[in-house]
């Protein structure tokens, strides 16, 4: 496994997801029900950052295309998203947030 430290736990809140770019991949890290979830940050329909979208409960809506995705699973719920999102495993060690890039 290839774990990469991306931020401190306090850098992410329910209202403020984190956008990171690692090895050319843009990833959004969201806090839902006190758990962290990492998904592709780019809407598969056309380029728009989901971390700039509208978060409601456990879903995020693309700010440009109205595609809605389930954050914990990456599943497309509705709209022109074309496909589900890739998800990344997240873990917390102390105050550090790590992503599995394998």
N, C-alpha and C. Protein backbone atom coordinates (compact mmCIF):
# COMPACT_ATOMS: atom_id res chain seq x y z
N UNK A 1 0.84 -1.18 0.00
CA UNK A 1 0.00 0.00 0.00
C UNK A 1 0.88 1.24 0.00
N UNK A 2 0.35 2.29 -0.59
CA UNK A 2 1.10 3.53 -0.73
C UNK A 2 0.35 4.65 -0.01
N UNK A 3 0.56 4.77 1.31
CA UNK A 3 -0.12 5.78 2.10
C UNK A 3 0.63 7.11 2.01
N UNK A 4 -0.13 8.19 1.77
CA UNK A 4 0.43 9.53 1.63
C UNK A 4 -0.26 10.46 2.62
N UNK A 5 0.53 11.17 3.41
CA UNK A 5 -0.03 12.16 4.34
C UNK A 5 -0.45 13.39 3.54
N UNK A 6 -1.69 13.85 3.76
CA UNK A 6 -2.19 14.97 2.96
C UNK A 6 -2.53 16.22 3.76
N UNK A 7 -2.84 16.06 5.06
CA UNK A 7 -3.22 17.22 5.85
C UNK A 7 -3.36 16.82 7.32
N UNK A 8 -3.77 17.79 8.11
CA UNK A 8 -4.10 17.54 9.52
C UNK A 8 -5.62 17.38 9.62
N UNK A 9 -6.05 16.63 10.60
CA UNK A 9 -7.47 16.33 10.79
C UNK A 9 -8.32 17.59 10.87
N UNK A 10 -7.82 18.62 11.52
CA UNK A 10 -8.57 19.87 11.67
C UNK A 10 -8.73 20.67 10.39
N UNK A 11 -8.05 20.26 9.31
CA UNK A 11 -8.15 20.97 8.03
C UNK A 11 -9.43 20.66 7.26
N UNK A 12 -10.19 19.67 7.73
CA UNK A 12 -11.40 19.23 7.02
C UNK A 12 -12.58 19.32 7.97
N UNK A 13 -13.68 19.92 7.50
CA UNK A 13 -14.91 19.97 8.30
C UNK A 13 -16.09 19.55 7.43
N UNK A 14 -17.26 19.42 8.04
CA UNK A 14 -18.46 19.04 7.29
C UNK A 14 -18.74 20.02 6.15
N UNK A 15 -18.47 21.30 6.38
CA UNK A 15 -18.77 22.33 5.39
C UNK A 15 -17.60 22.64 4.47
N UNK A 16 -16.41 22.21 4.83
CA UNK A 16 -15.21 22.56 4.06
C UNK A 16 -14.39 21.33 3.71
N UNK A 17 -14.71 20.69 2.58
CA UNK A 17 -13.89 19.57 2.14
C UNK A 17 -12.52 20.07 1.67
N UNK A 18 -11.61 19.14 1.49
CA UNK A 18 -10.25 19.48 1.07
C UNK A 18 -10.00 18.94 -0.33
N UNK A 19 -9.41 19.75 -1.18
CA UNK A 19 -9.02 19.33 -2.52
C UNK A 19 -7.52 19.17 -2.54
N UNK A 20 -7.04 18.00 -2.96
CA UNK A 20 -5.60 17.76 -3.06
C UNK A 20 -5.27 17.17 -4.42
N UNK A 21 -4.04 17.39 -4.85
CA UNK A 21 -3.57 16.81 -6.11
C UNK A 21 -2.34 15.97 -5.78
N UNK A 22 -2.42 14.67 -6.06
CA UNK A 22 -1.34 13.73 -5.78
C UNK A 22 -1.08 12.90 -7.02
N UNK A 23 0.15 12.90 -7.47
CA UNK A 23 0.53 12.13 -8.66
C UNK A 23 -0.39 12.40 -9.84
N UNK A 24 -0.78 13.67 -10.02
CA UNK A 24 -1.63 14.06 -11.13
C UNK A 24 -3.11 13.76 -10.93
N UNK A 25 -3.48 13.19 -9.79
CA UNK A 25 -4.89 12.87 -9.50
C UNK A 25 -5.46 13.93 -8.57
N UNK A 26 -6.62 14.46 -8.93
CA UNK A 26 -7.30 15.43 -8.08
C UNK A 26 -8.31 14.69 -7.24
N UNK A 27 -8.17 14.84 -5.92
CA UNK A 27 -8.96 14.06 -4.97
C UNK A 27 -9.62 15.02 -3.98
N UNK A 28 -10.88 14.73 -3.67
CA UNK A 28 -11.61 15.51 -2.68
C UNK A 28 -11.78 14.68 -1.43
N UNK A 29 -11.50 15.29 -0.29
CA UNK A 29 -11.66 14.61 0.99
C UNK A 29 -12.78 15.32 1.74
N UNK A 30 -13.81 14.55 2.09
CA UNK A 30 -15.02 15.08 2.70
C UNK A 30 -15.21 14.46 4.08
N UNK A 31 -15.83 15.21 4.98
CA UNK A 31 -16.18 14.69 6.30
C UNK A 31 -17.69 14.50 6.33
N UNK A 32 -18.13 13.26 6.53
CA UNK A 32 -19.55 12.92 6.58
C UNK A 32 -19.79 12.09 7.84
N UNK A 33 -20.66 12.58 8.71
CA UNK A 33 -20.98 11.87 9.96
C UNK A 33 -19.71 11.51 10.73
N UNK A 34 -18.80 12.47 10.86
CA UNK A 34 -17.55 12.31 11.60
C UNK A 34 -16.58 11.29 11.01
N UNK A 35 -16.78 10.89 9.76
CA UNK A 35 -15.85 10.00 9.07
C UNK A 35 -15.33 10.70 7.83
N UNK A 36 -14.08 10.43 7.47
CA UNK A 36 -13.49 11.01 6.27
C UNK A 36 -13.63 10.06 5.10
N UNK A 37 -13.92 10.64 3.93
CA UNK A 37 -14.08 9.89 2.69
C UNK A 37 -13.36 10.64 1.58
N UNK A 38 -12.67 9.88 0.72
CA UNK A 38 -11.95 10.50 -0.39
C UNK A 38 -12.48 9.97 -1.71
N UNK A 39 -12.78 10.89 -2.63
CA UNK A 39 -13.32 10.54 -3.95
C UNK A 39 -12.60 11.37 -5.01
N UNK A 40 -12.76 10.96 -6.26
CA UNK A 40 -12.29 11.81 -7.36
C UNK A 40 -12.88 13.19 -7.14
N UNK A 41 -12.10 14.21 -7.37
CA UNK A 41 -12.61 15.57 -7.17
C UNK A 41 -13.17 16.17 -8.45
N UNK A 42 -12.96 15.52 -9.58
CA UNK A 42 -13.42 16.06 -10.86
C UNK A 42 -14.68 15.32 -11.32
N UNK A 43 -15.71 16.07 -11.63
CA UNK A 43 -16.94 15.47 -12.16
C UNK A 43 -16.61 14.76 -13.47
N UNK A 44 -17.02 13.50 -13.64
CA UNK A 44 -16.70 12.79 -14.87
C UNK A 44 -17.45 13.30 -16.11
N UNK A 45 -18.47 14.13 -15.92
CA UNK A 45 -19.22 14.67 -17.04
C UNK A 45 -18.40 15.70 -17.81
N UNK A 46 -17.79 16.61 -17.06
CA UNK A 46 -16.92 17.65 -17.62
C UNK A 46 -16.21 18.30 -16.45
N UNK A 47 -15.12 18.98 -16.69
CA UNK A 47 -14.27 19.45 -15.59
C UNK A 47 -15.00 20.43 -14.67
N UNK A 48 -15.15 20.00 -13.42
CA UNK A 48 -15.64 20.84 -12.33
C UNK A 48 -15.21 20.15 -11.05
N UNK A 49 -14.75 20.92 -10.08
CA UNK A 49 -14.31 20.34 -8.82
C UNK A 49 -15.50 20.09 -7.90
N UNK A 50 -15.66 18.86 -7.48
CA UNK A 50 -16.76 18.52 -6.60
C UNK A 50 -16.59 19.14 -5.21
N UNK A 51 -15.36 19.40 -4.79
CA UNK A 51 -15.15 20.07 -3.51
C UNK A 51 -15.69 21.50 -3.52
N UNK A 52 -16.01 22.02 -4.69
CA UNK A 52 -16.64 23.34 -4.80
C UNK A 52 -18.14 23.21 -5.00
N UNK A 53 -18.64 21.97 -4.90
CA UNK A 53 -20.05 21.69 -5.12
C UNK A 53 -20.90 21.91 -3.88
N UNK A 54 -22.12 21.44 -3.96
CA UNK A 54 -23.11 21.64 -2.91
C UNK A 54 -23.25 20.34 -2.11
N UNK A 55 -22.90 20.40 -0.83
CA UNK A 55 -22.93 19.22 0.03
C UNK A 55 -24.24 19.23 0.80
N UNK A 56 -24.91 18.09 0.76
CA UNK A 56 -26.14 17.93 1.54
C UNK A 56 -26.15 16.52 2.12
N UNK A 57 -26.00 16.44 3.43
CA UNK A 57 -25.95 15.12 4.07
C UNK A 57 -24.72 14.36 3.59
N UNK A 58 -24.98 13.22 2.93
CA UNK A 58 -23.87 12.39 2.44
C UNK A 58 -23.67 12.50 0.93
N UNK A 59 -24.26 13.53 0.31
CA UNK A 59 -24.11 13.69 -1.14
C UNK A 59 -23.44 15.03 -1.48
N UNK A 60 -22.86 15.05 -2.68
CA UNK A 60 -22.29 16.29 -3.21
C UNK A 60 -22.84 16.45 -4.62
N UNK A 61 -23.24 17.68 -4.94
CA UNK A 61 -23.75 18.00 -6.27
C UNK A 61 -22.71 18.82 -7.01
N UNK A 62 -22.44 18.41 -8.23
CA UNK A 62 -21.48 19.13 -9.07
C UNK A 62 -21.93 20.59 -9.20
N UNK A 63 -21.00 21.53 -9.02
CA UNK A 63 -21.39 22.94 -9.09
C UNK A 63 -21.79 23.41 -10.48
N UNK A 64 -21.46 22.65 -11.51
CA UNK A 64 -21.79 23.06 -12.87
C UNK A 64 -22.83 22.18 -13.57
N UNK A 65 -22.85 20.91 -13.27
CA UNK A 65 -23.61 19.96 -14.09
C UNK A 65 -24.77 19.27 -13.39
N UNK A 66 -24.98 19.56 -12.10
CA UNK A 66 -26.09 19.01 -11.32
C UNK A 66 -26.03 17.50 -11.13
N UNK A 67 -24.90 16.87 -11.43
CA UNK A 67 -24.74 15.44 -11.11
C UNK A 67 -24.60 15.33 -9.60
N UNK A 68 -25.25 14.33 -9.01
CA UNK A 68 -25.20 14.14 -7.57
C UNK A 68 -24.55 12.79 -7.28
N UNK A 69 -23.56 12.81 -6.36
CA UNK A 69 -22.82 11.61 -6.00
C UNK A 69 -22.92 11.35 -4.50
N UNK A 70 -22.99 10.08 -4.13
CA UNK A 70 -22.92 9.67 -2.74
C UNK A 70 -21.44 9.74 -2.34
N UNK A 71 -21.11 10.51 -1.33
CA UNK A 71 -19.72 10.72 -0.96
C UNK A 71 -19.05 9.44 -0.44
N UNK A 72 -19.65 8.71 0.50
CA UNK A 72 -18.95 7.52 1.01
C UNK A 72 -18.71 6.42 -0.04
N UNK A 73 -19.60 6.29 -1.01
CA UNK A 73 -19.45 5.19 -1.98
C UNK A 73 -18.99 5.65 -3.36
N UNK A 74 -19.13 6.94 -3.66
CA UNK A 74 -18.79 7.46 -4.98
C UNK A 74 -19.86 7.17 -6.02
N UNK A 75 -20.97 6.57 -5.63
CA UNK A 75 -22.02 6.18 -6.58
C UNK A 75 -22.77 7.39 -7.12
N UNK A 76 -22.97 7.39 -8.44
CA UNK A 76 -23.77 8.42 -9.10
C UNK A 76 -25.23 8.24 -8.68
N UNK A 77 -25.84 9.29 -8.15
CA UNK A 77 -27.23 9.23 -7.70
C UNK A 77 -28.19 9.74 -8.77
N UNK A 78 -27.78 10.80 -9.46
CA UNK A 78 -28.62 11.36 -10.53
C UNK A 78 -27.81 12.36 -11.34
N UNK A 79 -28.33 12.72 -12.50
CA UNK A 79 -27.70 13.73 -13.34
C UNK A 79 -26.72 13.16 -14.35
N UNK A 80 -26.02 14.07 -15.03
CA UNK A 80 -25.16 13.68 -16.15
C UNK A 80 -23.75 13.23 -15.76
N UNK A 81 -23.59 12.62 -14.62
CA UNK A 81 -22.25 12.24 -14.17
C UNK A 81 -21.61 11.12 -14.97
N UNK A 82 -22.38 10.37 -15.73
CA UNK A 82 -21.88 9.33 -16.64
C UNK A 82 -21.43 8.04 -15.95
N UNK A 83 -20.87 8.13 -14.74
CA UNK A 83 -20.35 6.94 -14.08
C UNK A 83 -20.13 7.23 -12.60
N UNK A 84 -19.85 6.18 -11.83
CA UNK A 84 -19.49 6.34 -10.43
C UNK A 84 -18.09 6.91 -10.32
N UNK A 85 -17.77 7.48 -9.17
CA UNK A 85 -16.45 8.04 -8.91
C UNK A 85 -15.53 7.00 -8.30
N UNK A 86 -14.25 7.16 -8.54
CA UNK A 86 -13.25 6.31 -7.88
C UNK A 86 -13.14 6.79 -6.43
N UNK A 87 -13.07 5.86 -5.50
CA UNK A 87 -12.89 6.23 -4.09
C UNK A 87 -11.50 5.80 -3.63
N UNK A 88 -11.02 6.46 -2.60
CA UNK A 88 -9.70 6.18 -2.04
C UNK A 88 -9.85 5.88 -0.55
N UNK A 89 -9.07 4.94 -0.07
CA UNK A 89 -9.09 4.60 1.34
C UNK A 89 -8.41 5.71 2.14
N UNK A 90 -9.02 6.07 3.27
CA UNK A 90 -8.51 7.13 4.14
C UNK A 90 -8.27 6.55 5.52
N UNK A 91 -7.22 7.00 6.17
CA UNK A 91 -7.04 6.65 7.58
C UNK A 91 -6.44 7.84 8.31
N UNK A 92 -6.63 7.84 9.62
CA UNK A 92 -6.12 8.91 10.46
C UNK A 92 -5.13 8.29 11.44
N UNK A 93 -3.95 8.88 11.51
CA UNK A 93 -2.93 8.46 12.48
C UNK A 93 -2.59 9.68 13.31
N UNK A 94 -3.03 9.65 14.57
CA UNK A 94 -2.86 10.84 15.42
C UNK A 94 -3.68 11.96 14.84
N UNK A 95 -3.02 13.03 14.39
CA UNK A 95 -3.69 14.18 13.79
C UNK A 95 -3.49 14.23 12.28
N UNK A 96 -2.79 13.23 11.72
CA UNK A 96 -2.49 13.20 10.29
C UNK A 96 -3.53 12.40 9.50
N UNK A 97 -3.95 12.96 8.37
CA UNK A 97 -4.87 12.28 7.45
C UNK A 97 -4.03 11.71 6.31
N UNK A 98 -4.23 10.40 6.05
CA UNK A 98 -3.46 9.72 5.01
C UNK A 98 -4.40 9.11 3.98
N UNK A 99 -3.96 9.10 2.72
CA UNK A 99 -4.70 8.46 1.62
C UNK A 99 -3.89 7.30 1.10
N UNK A 100 -4.60 6.22 0.75
CA UNK A 100 -3.96 5.07 0.10
C UNK A 100 -4.01 5.30 -1.40
N UNK A 101 -2.88 5.54 -2.02
CA UNK A 101 -2.81 5.83 -3.44
C UNK A 101 -2.52 4.59 -4.29
N UNK A 102 -2.57 3.42 -3.68
CA UNK A 102 -2.31 2.16 -4.42
C UNK A 102 -3.45 1.84 -5.36
